[in-house]
Amino acid sequence: MPTYEFRCSGCGPFDAVFSMREVPATTPCRCGAPARRGISAPRLGTGATGAMRLLDATKATAERPAVVSGPPGRSGGGGAPSDPRHARLPRP
């Protein structure tokens, strides 16, 4: 959910989290006075989600691509099958 900035006339600015559908024009401050919603830059996420980490990693590799010195090594899968009956199968 997005974070919105509110400003109390006595306490100053503070942040509150509301859904986009239910964000009020005013909300009570810690002191009890009504605080008006301010206009600020959107703060839709904190960057802790998996999607944000993926976007950050993608951006980092675009700026600093990894240098590859050779093909990746083989790991257990993807090689020739070990079953000898497969050698007798028809080939295209």
N, C-alpha and C. Protein backbone atom coordinates (compact mmCIF):
# COMPACT_ATOMS: atom_id res chain seq x y z
N MET A 1 0.83 -1.18 0.00
CA MET A 1 0.00 0.00 0.00
C MET A 1 0.88 1.25 0.00
N PRO A 2 0.40 2.30 -0.61
CA PRO A 2 1.20 3.53 -0.68
C PRO A 2 1.25 4.26 0.66
N THR A 3 2.31 5.01 0.82
CA THR A 3 2.50 5.84 2.00
C THR A 3 2.17 7.28 1.63
N TYR A 4 1.35 7.92 2.45
CA TYR A 4 0.94 9.30 2.20
C TYR A 4 1.50 10.21 3.28
N GLU A 5 1.77 11.46 2.92
CA GLU A 5 2.28 12.43 3.87
C GLU A 5 1.14 13.32 4.34
N PHE A 6 1.04 13.47 5.65
CA PHE A 6 0.05 14.34 6.26
C PHE A 6 0.80 15.39 7.07
N ARG A 7 0.18 16.56 7.26
CA ARG A 7 0.82 17.64 8.01
C ARG A 7 -0.15 18.14 9.08
N CYS A 8 0.33 18.06 10.32
CA CYS A 8 -0.42 18.58 11.47
C CYS A 8 0.06 20.01 11.72
N SER A 9 -0.87 20.90 12.05
CA SER A 9 -0.48 22.30 12.29
C SER A 9 0.38 22.43 13.54
N GLY A 10 0.25 21.52 14.50
CA GLY A 10 1.04 21.61 15.72
C GLY A 10 2.29 20.74 15.72
N CYS A 11 2.18 19.52 15.19
CA CYS A 11 3.29 18.55 15.26
C CYS A 11 4.17 18.53 14.01
N GLY A 12 3.63 18.94 12.88
CA GLY A 12 4.40 18.90 11.65
C GLY A 12 4.04 17.71 10.79
N PRO A 13 4.91 17.35 9.83
CA PRO A 13 4.58 16.27 8.90
C PRO A 13 4.76 14.89 9.52
N PHE A 14 3.93 13.95 9.04
CA PHE A 14 4.08 12.54 9.40
C PHE A 14 3.52 11.70 8.26
N ASP A 15 3.91 10.44 8.21
CA ASP A 15 3.49 9.53 7.16
C ASP A 15 2.43 8.57 7.68
N ALA A 16 1.53 8.17 6.80
CA ALA A 16 0.51 7.18 7.13
C ALA A 16 0.27 6.32 5.89
N VAL A 17 -0.10 5.06 6.12
CA VAL A 17 -0.31 4.11 5.03
C VAL A 17 -1.80 3.86 4.89
N PHE A 18 -2.32 4.06 3.68
CA PHE A 18 -3.72 3.81 3.35
C PHE A 18 -3.78 3.16 1.98
N SER A 19 -4.87 2.45 1.70
CA SER A 19 -5.06 1.94 0.34
C SER A 19 -5.42 3.13 -0.56
N MET A 20 -5.18 3.01 -1.84
CA MET A 20 -5.47 4.10 -2.76
C MET A 20 -6.97 4.40 -2.80
N ARG A 21 -7.76 3.41 -2.58
CA ARG A 21 -9.21 3.59 -2.63
C ARG A 21 -9.74 4.31 -1.39
N GLU A 22 -9.09 4.15 -0.24
CA GLU A 22 -9.65 4.65 1.01
C GLU A 22 -8.81 5.75 1.66
N VAL A 23 -7.95 6.43 0.93
CA VAL A 23 -7.13 7.47 1.53
C VAL A 23 -8.00 8.69 1.85
N PRO A 24 -7.97 9.16 3.11
CA PRO A 24 -8.79 10.31 3.48
C PRO A 24 -8.08 11.63 3.18
N ALA A 25 -8.86 12.71 3.13
CA ALA A 25 -8.28 14.04 2.95
C ALA A 25 -7.64 14.52 4.25
N THR A 26 -8.18 14.08 5.38
CA THR A 26 -7.60 14.40 6.69
C THR A 26 -7.59 13.15 7.55
N THR A 27 -6.68 13.10 8.48
CA THR A 27 -6.58 11.99 9.43
C THR A 27 -6.12 12.55 10.77
N PRO A 28 -6.50 11.93 11.88
CA PRO A 28 -6.07 12.46 13.17
C PRO A 28 -4.57 12.27 13.39
N CYS A 29 -3.95 13.28 13.95
CA CYS A 29 -2.53 13.23 14.31
C CYS A 29 -2.39 12.54 15.66
N ARG A 30 -1.15 12.31 16.10
CA ARG A 30 -0.90 11.72 17.42
C ARG A 30 -1.48 12.60 18.53
N CYS A 31 -1.49 13.91 18.30
CA CYS A 31 -2.01 14.84 19.31
C CYS A 31 -3.53 14.94 19.27
N GLY A 32 -4.17 14.33 18.26
CA GLY A 32 -5.62 14.36 18.15
C GLY A 32 -6.15 15.40 17.19
N ALA A 33 -5.33 16.34 16.77
CA ALA A 33 -5.76 17.37 15.83
C ALA A 33 -5.86 16.79 14.43
N PRO A 34 -6.77 17.30 13.61
CA PRO A 34 -6.86 16.81 12.23
C PRO A 34 -5.65 17.27 11.41
N ALA A 35 -5.11 16.35 10.64
CA ALA A 35 -3.96 16.66 9.77
C ALA A 35 -4.38 16.49 8.33
N ARG A 36 -4.05 17.47 7.50
CA ARG A 36 -4.41 17.44 6.08
C ARG A 36 -3.37 16.67 5.28
N ARG A 37 -3.86 16.00 4.25
CA ARG A 37 -2.97 15.26 3.36
C ARG A 37 -2.23 16.26 2.49
N GLY A 38 -0.93 16.06 2.35
CA GLY A 38 -0.10 16.93 1.52
C GLY A 38 0.14 16.30 0.16
N ILE A 39 0.71 17.07 -0.73
CA ILE A 39 1.08 16.57 -2.05
C ILE A 39 2.58 16.32 -2.02
N SER A 40 2.97 15.10 -2.30
CA SER A 40 4.38 14.73 -2.28
C SER A 40 4.64 13.73 -3.39
N ALA A 41 5.89 13.40 -3.57
CA ALA A 41 6.26 12.39 -4.57
C ALA A 41 5.68 11.04 -4.15
N PRO A 42 5.23 10.21 -5.10
CA PRO A 42 4.67 8.93 -4.74
C PRO A 42 5.71 8.01 -4.11
N ARG A 43 5.31 7.35 -3.05
CA ARG A 43 6.16 6.37 -2.38
C ARG A 43 5.37 5.07 -2.32
N LEU A 44 5.43 4.30 -3.40
CA LEU A 44 4.60 3.11 -3.51
C LEU A 44 5.22 1.87 -2.91
N GLY A 45 6.50 1.84 -2.69
CA GLY A 45 7.13 0.65 -2.13
C GLY A 45 8.40 0.99 -1.39
N THR A 46 8.81 0.07 -0.54
CA THR A 46 10.01 0.30 0.24
C THR A 46 11.22 -0.40 -0.37
N GLY A 47 11.01 -1.21 -1.39
CA GLY A 47 12.14 -1.88 -2.01
C GLY A 47 12.47 -3.21 -1.38
N ALA A 48 11.65 -3.70 -0.48
CA ALA A 48 11.95 -4.95 0.20
C ALA A 48 11.28 -6.14 -0.48
N THR A 49 10.45 -5.91 -1.46
CA THR A 49 9.74 -7.02 -2.10
C THR A 49 10.65 -7.72 -3.10
N GLY A 50 10.28 -8.93 -3.45
CA GLY A 50 11.04 -9.68 -4.44
C GLY A 50 11.06 -9.01 -5.79
N ALA A 51 9.94 -8.39 -6.17
CA ALA A 51 9.88 -7.69 -7.45
C ALA A 51 10.83 -6.51 -7.48
N MET A 52 10.91 -5.77 -6.39
CA MET A 52 11.82 -4.63 -6.34
C MET A 52 13.27 -5.10 -6.38
N ARG A 53 13.59 -6.20 -5.70
CA ARG A 53 14.96 -6.74 -5.75
C ARG A 53 15.31 -7.18 -7.16
N LEU A 54 14.35 -7.79 -7.86
CA LEU A 54 14.58 -8.22 -9.24
C LEU A 54 14.82 -7.02 -10.15
N LEU A 55 14.03 -5.97 -9.99
CA LEU A 55 14.24 -4.76 -10.80
C LEU A 55 15.60 -4.14 -10.52
N ASP A 56 15.99 -4.10 -9.25
CA ASP A 56 17.31 -3.54 -8.91
C ASP A 56 18.43 -4.38 -9.50
N ALA A 57 18.30 -5.71 -9.44
CA ALA A 57 19.34 -6.59 -9.99
C ALA A 57 19.42 -6.44 -11.51
N THR A 58 18.28 -6.31 -12.17
CA THR A 58 18.26 -6.15 -13.62
C THR A 58 18.92 -4.84 -14.02
N LYS A 59 18.63 -3.78 -13.27
CA LYS A 59 19.23 -2.49 -13.56
C LYS A 59 20.75 -2.54 -13.34
N ALA A 60 21.18 -3.22 -12.29
CA ALA A 60 22.61 -3.33 -12.00
C ALA A 60 23.34 -4.09 -13.10
N THR A 61 22.74 -5.16 -13.63
CA THR A 61 23.42 -5.91 -14.68
C THR A 61 23.43 -5.14 -16.00
N ALA A 62 22.47 -4.25 -16.21
CA ALA A 62 22.47 -3.44 -17.43
C ALA A 62 23.61 -2.43 -17.39
N GLU A 63 23.92 -1.93 -16.20
CA GLU A 63 24.99 -0.95 -16.07
C GLU A 63 26.36 -1.61 -15.96
N ARG A 64 26.44 -2.77 -15.31
CA ARG A 64 27.70 -3.49 -15.11
C ARG A 64 27.52 -4.95 -15.49
N PRO A 65 27.51 -5.27 -16.79
CA PRO A 65 27.29 -6.67 -17.17
C PRO A 65 28.44 -7.56 -16.73
N ALA A 66 28.11 -8.79 -16.39
CA ALA A 66 29.13 -9.76 -15.99
C ALA A 66 29.93 -10.20 -17.22
N VAL A 67 31.22 -10.37 -17.05
CA VAL A 67 32.09 -10.82 -18.13
C VAL A 67 32.17 -12.34 -18.06
N VAL A 68 31.90 -13.00 -19.19
CA VAL A 68 31.90 -14.46 -19.24
C VAL A 68 33.16 -14.90 -19.96
N SER A 69 33.93 -15.79 -19.33
CA SER A 69 35.17 -16.26 -19.94
C SER A 69 35.00 -17.57 -20.70
N GLY A 70 33.87 -18.23 -20.54
CA GLY A 70 33.64 -19.49 -21.24
C GLY A 70 32.23 -19.97 -20.98
N PRO A 71 31.87 -21.10 -21.64
CA PRO A 71 30.52 -21.62 -21.42
C PRO A 71 30.37 -22.14 -19.99
N PRO A 72 29.16 -22.15 -19.48
CA PRO A 72 28.96 -22.65 -18.13
C PRO A 72 29.27 -24.14 -18.04
N GLY A 73 29.70 -24.57 -16.89
CA GLY A 73 30.03 -25.98 -16.70
C GLY A 73 28.77 -26.84 -16.69
N ARG A 74 28.95 -28.09 -16.98
CA ARG A 74 27.81 -29.01 -17.00
C ARG A 74 27.46 -29.42 -15.59
N SER A 75 26.19 -29.39 -15.32
CA SER A 75 25.71 -29.92 -14.05
C SER A 75 24.86 -31.12 -14.37
N GLY A 76 24.73 -32.06 -13.54
CA GLY A 76 24.09 -33.36 -13.71
C GLY A 76 23.09 -33.53 -14.83
N GLY A 77 22.30 -32.53 -15.20
CA GLY A 77 21.25 -32.74 -16.18
C GLY A 77 21.60 -32.22 -17.56
N GLY A 78 20.82 -32.63 -18.53
CA GLY A 78 20.96 -32.10 -19.87
C GLY A 78 21.92 -32.86 -20.76
N GLY A 79 22.66 -33.82 -20.24
CA GLY A 79 23.61 -34.58 -21.05
C GLY A 79 22.95 -35.79 -21.70
N ALA A 80 23.78 -36.67 -22.23
CA ALA A 80 23.26 -37.88 -22.86
C ALA A 80 22.63 -38.79 -21.81
N PRO A 81 21.55 -39.46 -22.18
CA PRO A 81 20.91 -40.36 -21.21
C PRO A 81 21.80 -41.56 -20.93
N SER A 82 21.64 -42.10 -19.75
CA SER A 82 22.49 -43.24 -19.37
C SER A 82 21.84 -44.58 -19.69
N ASP A 83 20.62 -44.57 -20.19
CA ASP A 83 19.93 -45.83 -20.51
C ASP A 83 20.40 -46.32 -21.88
N PRO A 84 21.01 -47.51 -22.01
CA PRO A 84 21.53 -48.00 -23.31
C PRO A 84 20.43 -48.24 -24.34
N ARG A 85 19.19 -48.41 -23.93
CA ARG A 85 18.11 -48.64 -24.91
C ARG A 85 17.84 -47.39 -25.73
N HIS A 86 18.22 -46.24 -25.23
CA HIS A 86 18.00 -45.01 -25.98
C HIS A 86 18.85 -44.96 -27.25
N ALA A 87 19.96 -45.65 -27.29
CA ALA A 87 20.82 -45.66 -28.48
C ALA A 87 20.13 -46.37 -29.65
N ARG A 88 19.20 -47.27 -29.37
CA ARG A 88 18.51 -48.01 -30.43
C ARG A 88 17.27 -47.28 -30.98
N LEU A 89 16.93 -46.11 -30.40
CA LEU A 89 15.78 -45.38 -30.89
C LEU A 89 16.08 -44.79 -32.26
N PRO A 90 15.04 -44.65 -33.12
CA PRO A 90 15.28 -44.08 -34.46
C PRO A 90 15.69 -42.61 -34.34
N ARG A 91 16.58 -42.22 -35.21
CA ARG A 91 17.08 -40.85 -35.25
C ARG A 91 16.40 -40.09 -36.38
N PRO A 92 16.15 -38.81 -36.24
CA PRO A 92 15.52 -38.04 -37.32
C PRO A 92 16.45 -37.82 -38.49
